[in-house]
Amino acid sequence: MARDDPVSQDTSVQSAEQLPNLVTIVGRGVPSTFEIAVDGEIEMLADDPVAEATIVSEKVAEGTIDVGVQRFRFAGEMANIHVVDWNGVPASESPNTPTVHVEYGSPKR
């Protein structure tokens, strides 16, 4: 018996191929904000970015994090990362700002 509906493809695999790089933001228990800018495209790895209070445009993602992890896939090179704690103190001067990990050519997770 033939199927009338097309077979769906795994979009996460397609995303990993088109957006091969990964940036991970890890919260440290203090409300903080972040902005990630890339020279290619970027997308958040979440079911509902709005629920995560994250705004993602074509080349920029910005949001807040307190605890937990937020991940983004992107193409191209990282252009800029700006992270500040709840007082507005930047990452280099505050031990409470989130940790940022960037992986180029990262496989699907």
N, C-alpha and C. Protein backbone atom coordinates (compact mmCIF):
# COMPACT_ATOMS: atom_id res chain seq x y z
N MET A 1 0.84 -1.16 0.00
CA MET A 1 0.00 0.00 0.00
C MET A 1 0.89 1.23 0.00
N ALA A 2 0.61 2.16 -0.88
CA ALA A 2 1.43 3.36 -1.03
C ALA A 2 1.00 4.42 -0.02
N ARG A 3 1.98 5.23 0.39
CA ARG A 3 1.68 6.34 1.31
C ARG A 3 1.37 7.57 0.51
N ASP A 4 0.35 8.29 0.92
CA ASP A 4 -0.01 9.54 0.24
C ASP A 4 0.77 10.73 0.79
N ASP A 5 1.17 10.65 2.06
CA ASP A 5 1.89 11.78 2.64
C ASP A 5 3.39 11.59 2.48
N PRO A 6 4.12 12.69 2.23
CA PRO A 6 5.58 12.56 2.07
C PRO A 6 6.23 12.21 3.41
N VAL A 7 7.36 11.56 3.33
CA VAL A 7 8.13 11.20 4.52
C VAL A 7 8.81 12.47 5.03
N SER A 8 8.63 12.77 6.29
CA SER A 8 9.26 13.97 6.84
C SER A 8 10.73 13.69 7.12
N GLN A 9 11.54 14.74 6.95
CA GLN A 9 12.97 14.62 7.21
C GLN A 9 13.26 15.17 8.59
N ASP A 10 14.34 14.72 9.18
CA ASP A 10 14.74 15.19 10.50
C ASP A 10 15.31 16.60 10.36
N THR A 11 14.55 17.61 10.83
CA THR A 11 14.97 19.00 10.66
C THR A 11 16.17 19.34 11.52
N SER A 12 16.39 18.63 12.64
CA SER A 12 17.55 18.92 13.48
C SER A 12 18.84 18.53 12.76
N VAL A 13 18.80 17.46 11.96
CA VAL A 13 19.96 17.07 11.18
C VAL A 13 20.22 18.10 10.09
N GLN A 14 19.16 18.55 9.42
CA GLN A 14 19.31 19.59 8.40
C GLN A 14 19.87 20.86 9.01
N SER A 15 19.37 21.25 10.19
CA SER A 15 19.84 22.45 10.86
C SER A 15 21.32 22.34 11.19
N ALA A 16 21.76 21.18 11.68
CA ALA A 16 23.17 20.98 12.03
C ALA A 16 24.06 21.08 10.80
N GLU A 17 23.55 20.66 9.65
CA GLU A 17 24.34 20.75 8.42
C GLU A 17 24.40 22.19 7.92
N GLN A 18 23.28 22.91 7.99
CA GLN A 18 23.23 24.28 7.50
C GLN A 18 23.83 25.27 8.50
N LEU A 19 23.69 24.97 9.79
CA LEU A 19 24.23 25.81 10.86
C LEU A 19 25.17 24.93 11.70
N PRO A 20 26.41 24.77 11.23
CA PRO A 20 27.31 23.76 11.81
C PRO A 20 27.95 24.12 13.15
N ASN A 21 27.82 25.37 13.59
CA ASN A 21 28.50 25.80 14.80
C ASN A 21 27.51 25.93 15.95
N LEU A 22 28.02 25.83 17.17
CA LEU A 22 27.17 25.83 18.35
C LEU A 22 27.72 26.79 19.40
N VAL A 23 26.84 27.61 19.98
CA VAL A 23 27.21 28.43 21.13
C VAL A 23 26.27 28.06 22.27
N THR A 24 26.84 27.87 23.45
CA THR A 24 26.09 27.46 24.63
C THR A 24 26.29 28.51 25.72
N ILE A 25 25.17 28.97 26.29
CA ILE A 25 25.20 29.92 27.40
C ILE A 25 24.77 29.15 28.65
N VAL A 26 25.59 29.19 29.70
CA VAL A 26 25.30 28.48 30.94
C VAL A 26 25.12 29.50 32.06
N GLY A 27 23.91 29.54 32.64
CA GLY A 27 23.62 30.47 33.72
C GLY A 27 24.31 30.07 35.01
N ARG A 28 24.62 31.07 35.83
CA ARG A 28 25.32 30.81 37.11
C ARG A 28 24.46 31.16 38.32
N GLY A 29 23.13 31.21 38.14
CA GLY A 29 22.25 31.48 39.27
C GLY A 29 21.99 32.94 39.55
N VAL A 30 22.52 33.83 38.71
CA VAL A 30 22.31 35.26 38.86
C VAL A 30 21.66 35.77 37.57
N PRO A 31 20.56 36.51 37.67
CA PRO A 31 19.94 37.03 36.45
C PRO A 31 20.95 37.83 35.63
N SER A 32 21.08 37.48 34.36
CA SER A 32 22.05 38.11 33.47
C SER A 32 21.44 38.27 32.09
N THR A 33 22.02 39.15 31.30
CA THR A 33 21.58 39.32 29.92
C THR A 33 22.74 38.99 28.98
N PHE A 34 22.38 38.59 27.75
CA PHE A 34 23.40 38.28 26.77
C PHE A 34 22.95 38.74 25.39
N GLU A 35 23.93 38.99 24.55
CA GLU A 35 23.70 39.29 23.14
C GLU A 35 24.78 38.58 22.34
N ILE A 36 24.35 37.80 21.35
CA ILE A 36 25.26 37.05 20.49
C ILE A 36 25.07 37.56 19.07
N ALA A 37 26.14 37.95 18.41
CA ALA A 37 26.06 38.39 17.02
C ALA A 37 27.00 37.52 16.18
N VAL A 38 26.50 37.06 15.03
CA VAL A 38 27.29 36.25 14.12
C VAL A 38 27.24 36.87 12.74
N ASP A 39 28.16 36.44 11.86
CA ASP A 39 28.14 36.99 10.51
C ASP A 39 27.33 36.13 9.55
N GLY A 40 26.73 35.06 10.04
CA GLY A 40 25.84 34.21 9.24
C GLY A 40 24.47 34.20 9.89
N GLU A 41 23.79 33.08 9.79
CA GLU A 41 22.47 32.94 10.41
C GLU A 41 22.60 32.30 11.79
N ILE A 42 21.60 32.53 12.64
CA ILE A 42 21.58 31.95 13.98
C ILE A 42 20.16 31.53 14.32
N GLU A 43 20.03 30.41 15.04
CA GLU A 43 18.72 29.98 15.53
C GLU A 43 18.88 29.32 16.89
N MET A 44 17.87 29.48 17.72
CA MET A 44 17.90 28.91 19.06
C MET A 44 17.44 27.46 19.02
N LEU A 45 18.09 26.62 19.81
CA LEU A 45 17.69 25.22 19.94
C LEU A 45 16.74 25.11 21.13
N ALA A 46 15.49 25.47 20.90
CA ALA A 46 14.45 25.41 21.93
C ALA A 46 13.11 25.25 21.25
N ASP A 47 12.20 24.62 21.93
CA ASP A 47 10.86 24.46 21.38
C ASP A 47 10.13 25.79 21.29
N ASP A 48 10.35 26.69 22.26
CA ASP A 48 9.65 27.96 22.30
C ASP A 48 10.58 29.07 22.78
N PRO A 49 11.32 29.72 21.87
CA PRO A 49 12.25 30.79 22.27
C PRO A 49 11.56 31.92 23.02
N VAL A 50 10.30 32.20 22.72
CA VAL A 50 9.59 33.27 23.41
C VAL A 50 9.44 32.93 24.89
N ALA A 51 9.15 31.67 25.21
CA ALA A 51 9.04 31.25 26.61
C ALA A 51 10.38 31.38 27.33
N GLU A 52 11.47 31.30 26.59
CA GLU A 52 12.81 31.44 27.17
C GLU A 52 13.21 32.91 27.29
N ALA A 53 12.32 33.82 26.87
CA ALA A 53 12.59 35.26 26.88
C ALA A 53 13.80 35.60 26.02
N THR A 54 13.87 34.97 24.87
CA THR A 54 14.98 35.18 23.95
C THR A 54 14.46 35.67 22.62
N ILE A 55 15.11 36.68 22.07
CA ILE A 55 14.76 37.22 20.76
C ILE A 55 15.85 36.82 19.79
N VAL A 56 15.46 36.19 18.70
CA VAL A 56 16.42 35.76 17.70
C VAL A 56 16.04 36.39 16.37
N SER A 57 16.96 37.16 15.79
CA SER A 57 16.77 37.68 14.45
C SER A 57 17.71 36.92 13.52
N GLU A 58 17.90 37.40 12.32
CA GLU A 58 18.72 36.68 11.36
C GLU A 58 20.16 36.46 11.82
N LYS A 59 20.78 37.48 12.43
CA LYS A 59 22.18 37.40 12.79
C LYS A 59 22.46 37.66 14.27
N VAL A 60 21.43 37.91 15.07
CA VAL A 60 21.61 38.28 16.47
C VAL A 60 20.61 37.54 17.35
N ALA A 61 21.07 37.11 18.52
CA ALA A 61 20.19 36.55 19.55
C ALA A 61 20.46 37.31 20.84
N GLU A 62 19.39 37.68 21.52
CA GLU A 62 19.57 38.35 22.80
C GLU A 62 18.50 37.88 23.76
N GLY A 63 18.88 37.81 25.03
CA GLY A 63 17.94 37.34 26.02
C GLY A 63 18.49 37.41 27.42
N THR A 64 17.79 36.71 28.30
CA THR A 64 18.19 36.67 29.70
C THR A 64 18.37 35.21 30.12
N ILE A 65 19.18 35.03 31.14
CA ILE A 65 19.37 33.69 31.70
C ILE A 65 19.71 33.85 33.17
N ASP A 66 19.21 32.94 33.96
CA ASP A 66 19.48 32.91 35.39
C ASP A 66 20.19 31.59 35.70
N VAL A 67 19.46 30.49 35.50
CA VAL A 67 20.02 29.15 35.65
C VAL A 67 19.71 28.38 34.38
N GLY A 68 20.36 27.25 34.22
CA GLY A 68 20.10 26.42 33.05
C GLY A 68 21.03 26.71 31.90
N VAL A 69 20.64 26.19 30.74
CA VAL A 69 21.48 26.26 29.55
C VAL A 69 20.61 26.70 28.37
N GLN A 70 21.15 27.56 27.53
CA GLN A 70 20.52 27.93 26.27
C GLN A 70 21.53 27.69 25.17
N ARG A 71 21.07 27.06 24.07
CA ARG A 71 21.97 26.74 22.96
C ARG A 71 21.46 27.36 21.66
N PHE A 72 22.42 27.72 20.83
CA PHE A 72 22.13 28.31 19.53
C PHE A 72 23.03 27.69 18.49
N ARG A 73 22.49 27.38 17.32
CA ARG A 73 23.29 26.94 16.17
C ARG A 73 23.47 28.15 15.27
N PHE A 74 24.66 28.24 14.65
CA PHE A 74 24.89 29.36 13.76
C PHE A 74 25.83 28.97 12.63
N ALA A 75 25.78 29.77 11.58
CA ALA A 75 26.68 29.61 10.44
C ALA A 75 27.63 30.80 10.43
N GLY A 76 28.78 30.60 9.83
CA GLY A 76 29.76 31.69 9.74
C GLY A 76 30.61 31.78 10.99
N GLU A 77 31.06 32.98 11.28
CA GLU A 77 31.94 33.24 12.41
C GLU A 77 31.21 34.02 13.49
N MET A 78 31.65 33.86 14.73
CA MET A 78 31.13 34.65 15.84
C MET A 78 31.62 36.08 15.65
N ALA A 79 30.72 37.03 15.68
CA ALA A 79 31.10 38.43 15.51
C ALA A 79 31.30 39.11 16.86
N ASN A 80 30.38 38.84 17.83
CA ASN A 80 30.47 39.50 19.11
C ASN A 80 29.62 38.76 20.14
N ILE A 81 30.09 38.72 21.36
CA ILE A 81 29.30 38.21 22.48
C ILE A 81 29.41 39.25 23.59
N HIS A 82 28.25 39.68 24.08
CA HIS A 82 28.22 40.66 25.17
C HIS A 82 27.37 40.06 26.29
N VAL A 83 27.95 39.89 27.48
CA VAL A 83 27.27 39.29 28.61
C VAL A 83 27.45 40.20 29.82
N VAL A 84 26.35 40.51 30.52
CA VAL A 84 26.42 41.32 31.73
C VAL A 84 25.55 40.69 32.81
N ASP A 85 25.94 40.92 34.08
CA ASP A 85 25.13 40.41 35.19
C ASP A 85 23.98 41.38 35.48
N TRP A 86 23.20 41.09 36.53
CA TRP A 86 22.01 41.88 36.82
C TRP A 86 22.31 43.33 37.15
N ASN A 87 23.54 43.65 37.53
CA ASN A 87 23.94 45.03 37.80
C ASN A 87 24.51 45.73 36.57
N GLY A 88 24.59 45.00 35.46
CA GLY A 88 25.16 45.58 34.25
C GLY A 88 26.67 45.48 34.18
N VAL A 89 27.27 44.69 35.07
CA VAL A 89 28.72 44.53 35.09
C VAL A 89 29.10 43.49 34.03
N PRO A 90 30.03 43.83 33.13
CA PRO A 90 30.39 42.90 32.05
C PRO A 90 31.14 41.66 32.53
N ALA A 91 31.17 40.66 31.65
CA ALA A 91 31.75 39.35 31.96
C ALA A 91 33.18 39.43 32.49
N SER A 92 33.96 40.27 31.92
CA SER A 92 35.37 40.29 32.34
C SER A 92 35.54 40.81 33.77
N GLU A 93 34.54 41.53 34.30
CA GLU A 93 34.66 42.12 35.64
C GLU A 93 33.75 41.46 36.67
N SER A 94 32.90 40.52 36.25
CA SER A 94 31.96 39.90 37.18
C SER A 94 32.07 38.38 37.12
N PRO A 95 32.24 37.74 38.26
CA PRO A 95 32.28 36.27 38.28
C PRO A 95 30.90 35.64 38.16
N ASN A 96 29.84 36.46 38.16
CA ASN A 96 28.48 35.94 38.12
C ASN A 96 27.86 35.88 36.73
N THR A 97 28.55 36.39 35.74
CA THR A 97 27.98 36.35 34.40
C THR A 97 28.01 34.92 33.86
N PRO A 98 27.10 34.60 32.95
CA PRO A 98 27.06 33.24 32.40
C PRO A 98 28.35 32.85 31.69
N THR A 99 28.58 31.55 31.65
CA THR A 99 29.70 31.00 30.90
C THR A 99 29.26 30.83 29.46
N VAL A 100 30.14 31.12 28.51
CA VAL A 100 29.84 31.00 27.08
C VAL A 100 30.82 30.03 26.46
N HIS A 101 30.30 29.03 25.75
CA HIS A 101 31.12 28.05 25.04
C HIS A 101 30.78 28.14 23.56
N VAL A 102 31.79 28.23 22.71
CA VAL A 102 31.60 28.27 21.26
C VAL A 102 32.31 27.07 20.65
N GLU A 103 31.58 26.31 19.83
CA GLU A 103 32.15 25.13 19.17
C GLU A 103 31.91 25.26 17.66
N TYR A 104 32.99 25.26 16.91
CA TYR A 104 32.87 25.30 15.45
C TYR A 104 32.85 23.87 14.91
N GLY A 105 31.95 23.61 13.97
CA GLY A 105 31.84 22.29 13.38
C GLY A 105 31.30 21.27 14.34
N SER A 106 30.42 21.70 15.24
CA SER A 106 29.88 20.82 16.27
C SER A 106 28.82 19.88 15.69
N PRO A 107 28.90 18.60 16.02
CA PRO A 107 27.88 17.67 15.53
C PRO A 107 26.54 17.93 16.20
N LYS A 108 25.51 17.32 15.64
CA LYS A 108 24.16 17.44 16.19
C LYS A 108 24.14 16.93 17.63
N ARG A 109 23.42 17.64 18.50
CA ARG A 109 23.27 17.23 19.91
C ARG A 109 21.85 16.95 20.18
